[in-house]
N, C-alpha and C. Protein backbone atom coordinates (compact mmCIF):
# COMPACT_ATOMS: atom_id res chain seq x y z
N MET A 1 0.81 -0.97 0.15
CA MET A 1 -0.12 0.25 0.36
C MET A 1 1.24 1.27 0.20
N HIS A 2 0.95 2.12 -1.26
CA HIS A 2 1.81 2.91 -1.24
C HIS A 2 1.23 4.22 -0.75
N GLU A 3 -0.33 4.26 -0.07
CA GLU A 3 -0.78 5.73 0.58
C GLU A 3 -0.69 5.71 1.60
N LEU A 4 0.72 4.27 2.56
CA LEU A 4 0.86 4.42 3.31
C LEU A 4 2.22 5.67 3.61
N GLY A 5 2.62 5.16 2.59
CA GLY A 5 4.15 6.21 2.27
C GLY A 5 3.49 7.52 1.92
N ILE A 6 3.02 7.74 1.31
CA ILE A 6 2.42 8.97 0.82
C ILE A 6 1.98 9.68 2.72
N MET A 7 1.07 9.49 2.85
CA MET A 7 0.80 9.83 4.23
C MET A 7 1.70 10.12 4.57
N GLU A 8 2.77 9.08 5.02
CA GLU A 8 3.55 9.89 5.85
C GLU A 8 4.53 10.90 6.05
N SER A 9 4.28 11.03 4.17
CA SER A 9 5.31 12.35 3.59
C SER A 9 4.72 13.47 4.03
N ALA A 10 2.88 13.33 3.89
CA ALA A 10 1.82 14.57 4.44
C ALA A 10 2.19 14.58 5.89
N VAL A 11 2.40 14.06 6.85
CA VAL A 11 2.11 13.93 7.97
C VAL A 11 3.28 14.73 8.53
N ASP A 12 4.54 14.27 7.38
CA ASP A 12 5.74 14.81 7.88
C ASP A 12 5.79 16.61 7.48
N ALA A 13 5.41 16.72 6.88
CA ALA A 13 5.67 17.68 6.14
C ALA A 13 4.08 19.00 6.98
N ALA A 14 3.60 18.33 7.54
CA ALA A 14 2.06 19.07 8.25
C ALA A 14 2.66 19.23 9.65
N LEU A 15 3.51 18.47 10.00
CA LEU A 15 4.42 18.72 11.76
C LEU A 15 5.53 19.51 11.78
N ARG A 16 6.23 19.32 10.38
CA ARG A 16 7.00 19.96 9.91
C ARG A 16 6.69 21.81 9.85
N GLU A 17 5.81 22.37 9.30
CA GLU A 17 4.77 23.59 9.02
C GLU A 17 4.09 23.58 10.53
N ALA A 18 3.59 23.25 11.60
CA ALA A 18 3.43 22.82 12.72
C ALA A 18 4.55 23.70 13.32
N ARG A 19 5.24 23.09 13.47
CA ARG A 19 6.63 23.53 14.07
C ARG A 19 7.55 25.09 14.05
N ALA A 20 7.61 25.23 12.71
CA ALA A 20 7.83 26.28 11.99
C ALA A 20 6.47 27.44 12.80
N HIS A 21 5.70 27.12 12.44
CA HIS A 21 4.43 28.47 13.19
C HIS A 21 4.19 27.85 14.74
N GLN A 22 4.72 27.41 15.37
CA GLN A 22 5.13 27.09 17.05
C GLN A 22 3.50 26.84 17.30
N ALA A 23 2.81 26.16 16.71
CA ALA A 23 1.59 25.50 16.83
C ALA A 23 1.40 24.16 17.30
N SER A 24 0.94 23.65 18.58
CA SER A 24 1.28 22.54 19.09
C SER A 24 0.22 21.39 18.98
N ARG A 25 -0.65 21.61 17.48
CA ARG A 25 -1.95 21.04 17.44
C ARG A 25 -2.07 21.08 15.87
N ILE A 26 -2.61 19.81 15.52
CA ILE A 26 -3.08 20.16 13.33
C ILE A 26 -4.95 19.81 14.39
N HIS A 27 -5.16 20.88 13.81
CA HIS A 27 -6.48 20.46 13.89
C HIS A 27 -7.34 19.15 12.43
N ARG A 28 -6.73 20.31 11.20
CA ARG A 28 -7.40 19.78 10.03
C ARG A 28 -6.17 19.86 8.64
N MET A 29 -6.33 18.64 8.30
CA MET A 29 -5.20 18.38 6.80
C MET A 29 -5.97 18.17 5.41
N VAL A 30 -5.86 19.01 5.06
CA VAL A 30 -6.40 18.89 3.85
C VAL A 30 -5.57 18.71 2.13
N LEU A 31 -6.01 17.15 2.06
CA LEU A 31 -4.92 16.86 0.63
C LEU A 31 -5.96 16.90 -0.79
N ARG A 32 -5.21 17.42 -1.86
CA ARG A 32 -5.36 17.19 -3.15
C ARG A 32 -4.87 16.25 -3.64
N ILE A 33 -6.23 15.61 -4.43
CA ILE A 33 -5.44 14.23 -4.61
C ILE A 33 -6.32 13.80 -5.99
N GLY A 34 -5.42 13.93 -7.42
CA GLY A 34 -5.71 14.12 -8.99
C GLY A 34 -6.22 12.63 -9.14
N THR A 35 -7.43 12.70 -10.14
CA THR A 35 -8.14 11.28 -10.50
C THR A 35 -7.44 10.20 -10.99
N LEU A 36 -6.17 10.72 -11.31
CA LEU A 36 -5.39 9.65 -11.83
C LEU A 36 -3.93 9.85 -11.04
N SER A 37 -3.54 9.97 -10.03
CA SER A 37 -2.51 9.56 -9.05
C SER A 37 -2.48 8.36 -9.16
N GLY A 38 -3.22 7.67 -9.00
CA GLY A 38 -3.14 6.11 -8.61
C GLY A 38 -3.83 6.11 -7.26
N VAL A 39 -4.01 6.78 -6.17
CA VAL A 39 -3.39 7.11 -4.79
C VAL A 39 -5.65 6.60 -4.43
N GLU A 40 -5.76 6.06 -3.66
CA GLU A 40 -6.83 5.37 -2.86
C GLU A 40 -7.33 6.30 -2.06
N PRO A 41 -8.44 7.21 -2.17
CA PRO A 41 -8.81 8.43 -0.93
C PRO A 41 -8.77 7.36 0.53
N ASP A 42 -9.55 6.06 0.53
CA ASP A 42 -10.29 5.35 1.66
C ASP A 42 -8.77 5.11 2.14
N SER A 43 -7.94 4.74 1.50
CA SER A 43 -6.41 4.09 1.73
C SER A 43 -5.95 4.93 2.91
N LEU A 44 -6.07 6.17 2.05
CA LEU A 44 -5.33 7.70 2.65
C LEU A 44 -6.02 7.96 4.33
N ARG A 45 -7.43 7.32 3.94
CA ARG A 45 -8.30 7.61 5.67
C ARG A 45 -7.21 6.84 6.64
N PHE A 46 -7.29 5.56 6.00
CA PHE A 46 -6.71 4.38 7.00
C PHE A 46 -5.24 4.68 7.37
N ALA A 47 -4.49 4.96 6.70
CA ALA A 47 -3.08 5.31 6.87
C ALA A 47 -3.24 6.56 7.94
N PHE A 48 -3.45 7.53 7.31
CA PHE A 48 -3.96 8.89 8.32
C PHE A 48 -3.71 8.63 9.79
N ASP A 49 -5.37 7.53 10.15
CA ASP A 49 -5.87 7.10 11.48
C ASP A 49 -4.10 6.82 12.27
N VAL A 50 -3.66 5.61 10.88
CA VAL A 50 -2.12 5.16 11.65
C VAL A 50 -1.13 5.97 11.82
N VAL A 51 -0.44 6.83 11.20
CA VAL A 51 0.76 7.39 10.54
C VAL A 51 0.32 8.92 12.22
N THR A 52 -0.62 9.35 11.92
CA THR A 52 -0.50 10.70 13.13
C THR A 52 -0.60 10.47 14.19
N GLU A 53 -1.21 8.89 15.16
CA GLU A 53 -1.02 8.04 16.49
C GLU A 53 0.24 8.73 17.04
N GLY A 54 -0.25 8.90 18.19
CA GLY A 54 0.56 9.50 18.72
C GLY A 54 1.27 10.99 18.68
N THR A 55 0.91 11.52 17.43
CA THR A 55 1.50 13.11 16.83
C THR A 55 0.41 14.02 17.85
N ALA A 56 0.99 15.45 17.11
CA ALA A 56 0.66 16.37 17.04
C ALA A 56 -0.67 16.95 16.33
N ALA A 57 -1.03 15.74 15.15
CA ALA A 57 -1.95 15.56 14.09
C ALA A 57 -2.22 14.62 14.52
N ALA A 58 -2.98 14.01 16.44
CA ALA A 58 -3.68 12.93 16.01
C ALA A 58 -5.46 13.19 16.42
N GLY A 59 -5.88 12.94 16.36
CA GLY A 59 -7.52 12.83 16.15
C GLY A 59 -7.92 14.38 15.52
N ALA A 60 -6.60 14.62 14.22
CA ALA A 60 -7.07 15.65 13.61
C ALA A 60 -8.10 15.05 12.54
N GLN A 61 -8.57 15.63 11.74
CA GLN A 61 -9.92 16.06 9.89
C GLN A 61 -8.44 15.79 9.21
N LEU A 62 -9.01 15.01 8.40
CA LEU A 62 -8.44 14.57 7.26
C LEU A 62 -9.43 14.47 6.25
N GLU A 63 -9.18 15.52 4.98
CA GLU A 63 -10.60 15.55 4.06
C GLU A 63 -9.64 15.75 2.83
N VAL A 64 -10.13 15.21 1.94
CA VAL A 64 -9.23 14.78 0.83
C VAL A 64 -10.27 15.07 0.01
N GLU A 65 -9.29 16.30 -1.00
CA GLU A 65 -10.16 16.83 -2.75
C GLU A 65 -9.94 16.44 -3.80
N SER A 66 -10.81 15.37 -4.24
CA SER A 66 -10.56 15.04 -5.47
C SER A 66 -10.69 15.98 -7.15
N VAL A 67 -9.33 15.77 -7.46
CA VAL A 67 -9.09 16.81 -8.51
C VAL A 67 -9.29 16.08 -10.28
N PRO A 68 -10.27 16.59 -10.96
CA PRO A 68 -10.64 15.73 -11.64
C PRO A 68 -9.27 15.72 -13.18
N ALA A 69 -9.43 14.68 -13.72
CA ALA A 69 -7.96 15.41 -14.73
C ALA A 69 -9.19 15.49 -16.44
N ARG A 70 -7.58 16.70 -16.35
CA ARG A 70 -8.29 17.28 -17.85
C ARG A 70 -7.20 17.18 -19.04
N ALA A 71 -6.80 17.12 -19.94
CA ALA A 71 -6.06 16.89 -21.34
C ALA A 71 -6.17 18.03 -21.57
N TRP A 72 -5.20 18.67 -22.53
CA TRP A 72 -5.13 19.72 -23.66
C TRP A 72 -4.89 19.62 -24.72
N CYS A 73 -5.79 19.52 -25.75
CA CYS A 73 -5.93 19.39 -27.44
C CYS A 73 -4.64 21.12 -27.82
N ALA A 74 -3.32 20.88 -28.56
CA ALA A 74 -3.14 21.38 -29.27
C ALA A 74 -3.64 22.02 -30.60
N ALA A 75 -4.07 21.20 -30.85
CA ALA A 75 -4.81 21.81 -32.02
C ALA A 75 -6.14 22.44 -32.39
N CYS A 76 -6.92 22.35 -31.29
CA CYS A 76 -8.31 23.31 -31.60
C CYS A 76 -7.98 23.88 -30.32
N ALA A 77 -6.60 23.98 -28.97
CA ALA A 77 -6.25 24.81 -27.95
C ALA A 77 -7.62 24.56 -27.36
N GLN A 78 -7.73 23.56 -26.80
CA GLN A 78 -9.11 23.12 -26.21
C GLN A 78 -8.57 22.74 -24.66
N GLU A 79 -9.51 22.97 -23.84
CA GLU A 79 -9.10 22.10 -22.55
C GLU A 79 -10.37 21.12 -23.09
N PHE A 80 -9.99 19.87 -22.05
CA PHE A 80 -11.33 18.73 -22.10
C PHE A 80 -10.89 17.80 -20.58
N GLY A 81 -12.57 17.12 -20.50
CA GLY A 81 -12.31 16.13 -19.17
C GLY A 81 -11.95 14.71 -19.65
N VAL A 82 -11.16 14.27 -18.80
CA VAL A 82 -10.71 13.10 -19.20
C VAL A 82 -11.00 11.60 -18.01
N GLU A 83 -11.70 10.37 -18.41
CA GLU A 83 -11.54 9.46 -17.44
C GLU A 83 -10.36 8.96 -17.27
N SER A 84 -9.65 8.68 -18.01
CA SER A 84 -8.10 6.99 -17.73
C SER A 84 -7.43 7.41 -18.86
N GLY A 85 -6.48 6.73 -18.96
CA GLY A 85 -5.89 5.92 -20.21
C GLY A 85 -4.41 7.01 -19.84
N PHE A 86 -3.89 6.88 -21.25
CA PHE A 86 -2.96 7.89 -21.85
C PHE A 86 -2.92 9.02 -22.92
N ILE A 87 -3.61 8.08 -23.65
CA ILE A 87 -3.49 8.85 -24.78
C ILE A 87 -5.62 9.11 -24.94
N TYR A 88 -5.56 10.29 -25.35
CA TYR A 88 -7.09 10.50 -25.37
C TYR A 88 -7.64 11.53 -26.52
N VAL A 89 -9.06 11.60 -26.66
CA VAL A 89 -9.05 12.27 -27.94
C VAL A 89 -9.94 13.30 -27.59
N CYS A 90 -9.78 14.40 -28.35
CA CYS A 90 -10.13 15.79 -28.18
C CYS A 90 -12.14 15.74 -28.28
N PRO A 91 -12.71 16.01 -27.79
CA PRO A 91 -14.18 15.98 -28.04
C PRO A 91 -14.81 16.78 -29.10
N HIS A 92 -13.66 17.93 -29.02
CA HIS A 92 -14.32 19.15 -29.56
C HIS A 92 -13.93 18.84 -31.32
N CYS A 93 -12.24 18.10 -31.87
CA CYS A 93 -11.89 17.81 -32.98
C CYS A 93 -11.89 16.46 -33.44
N GLY A 94 -11.81 15.54 -32.24
CA GLY A 94 -11.09 14.48 -32.43
C GLY A 94 -10.11 13.96 -32.32
N ARG A 95 -9.07 14.98 -32.58
CA ARG A 95 -7.55 14.99 -32.32
C ARG A 95 -7.06 13.87 -31.24
N LEU A 96 -5.96 13.78 -31.61
CA LEU A 96 -5.41 12.62 -30.10
C LEU A 96 -4.72 14.01 -29.75
N SER A 97 -4.52 13.48 -27.70
CA SER A 97 -4.19 14.44 -27.03
C SER A 97 -3.18 13.63 -26.26
N GLY A 98 -1.96 13.82 -25.64
CA GLY A 98 -1.73 12.84 -24.73
C GLY A 98 -1.17 13.89 -23.51
N GLU A 99 -1.43 15.36 -23.54
CA GLU A 99 -0.58 15.97 -22.45
C GLU A 99 -1.92 16.59 -21.47
N VAL A 100 -1.59 16.12 -20.45
CA VAL A 100 -2.47 16.03 -19.11
C VAL A 100 -2.02 17.20 -18.41
N ARG A 101 -3.27 17.89 -18.41
CA ARG A 101 -3.31 19.21 -17.27
C ARG A 101 -3.28 19.27 -16.07
N GLN A 102 -4.36 18.11 -15.92
CA GLN A 102 -4.49 18.19 -13.85
C GLN A 102 -4.78 17.12 -13.81
N GLY A 103 -4.57 16.43 -12.53
CA GLY A 103 -5.58 14.85 -12.27
C GLY A 103 -4.45 13.83 -11.93
N HIS A 104 -3.22 14.75 -11.98
CA HIS A 104 -1.99 14.25 -11.49
C HIS A 104 -1.64 13.86 -9.73
N GLU A 105 -2.21 15.46 -9.64
CA GLU A 105 -1.57 16.39 -7.91
C GLU A 105 -1.76 15.07 -6.57
N MET A 106 -0.89 15.48 -6.18
CA MET A 106 -0.48 15.26 -4.53
C MET A 106 0.22 16.05 -3.76
N GLU A 107 -0.97 16.80 -2.81
CA GLU A 107 -0.85 17.86 -2.57
C GLU A 107 -1.28 17.91 -1.66
N LEU A 108 -0.26 18.37 -0.09
CA LEU A 108 -0.92 19.06 1.57
C LEU A 108 -1.41 20.17 0.53
N SER A 109 -2.62 21.20 0.63
CA SER A 109 -3.24 22.00 0.04
C SER A 109 -3.49 23.63 1.51
N ARG A 110 -4.07 22.62 2.85
CA ARG A 110 -4.30 23.36 3.85
C ARG A 110 -4.17 22.77 5.04
N LEU A 111 -3.77 23.42 5.71
CA LEU A 111 -3.82 22.71 7.08
C LEU A 111 -4.15 24.48 8.41
N GLU A 112 -5.04 23.60 9.59
CA GLU A 112 -5.31 24.30 10.31
C GLU A 112 -4.69 23.73 11.37
N MET A 113 -3.69 24.72 11.97
CA MET A 113 -3.49 24.02 13.93
C MET A 113 -3.19 25.53 14.25
N SER A 114 -3.30 25.04 15.78
CA SER A 114 -3.01 26.38 16.89
C SER A 114 -1.91 25.92 17.66
């Protein structure tokens, strides 16, 4: 389960940020996860409970925001939604595109701490 490693990294970053701001408690963490990232939100939530135990983030709320995948068609200069895969067909002109503009995100976007 690579979600455990991802969550360890996210919690470590959050704890460093809390220390940098002299906060003793993390109340909420918000992660942005792209639909093409290969990360399972339910597995992240399970890993969160394990990784935060005994830390300043124990008992914190985890919010996972899903980032939909979007691709770009250079031929008609249009962005369009995609579901999965590596090569996408532009719904506007029918040409192939492999340029993903969003959907691979894995980022710690917000922290609430005191």
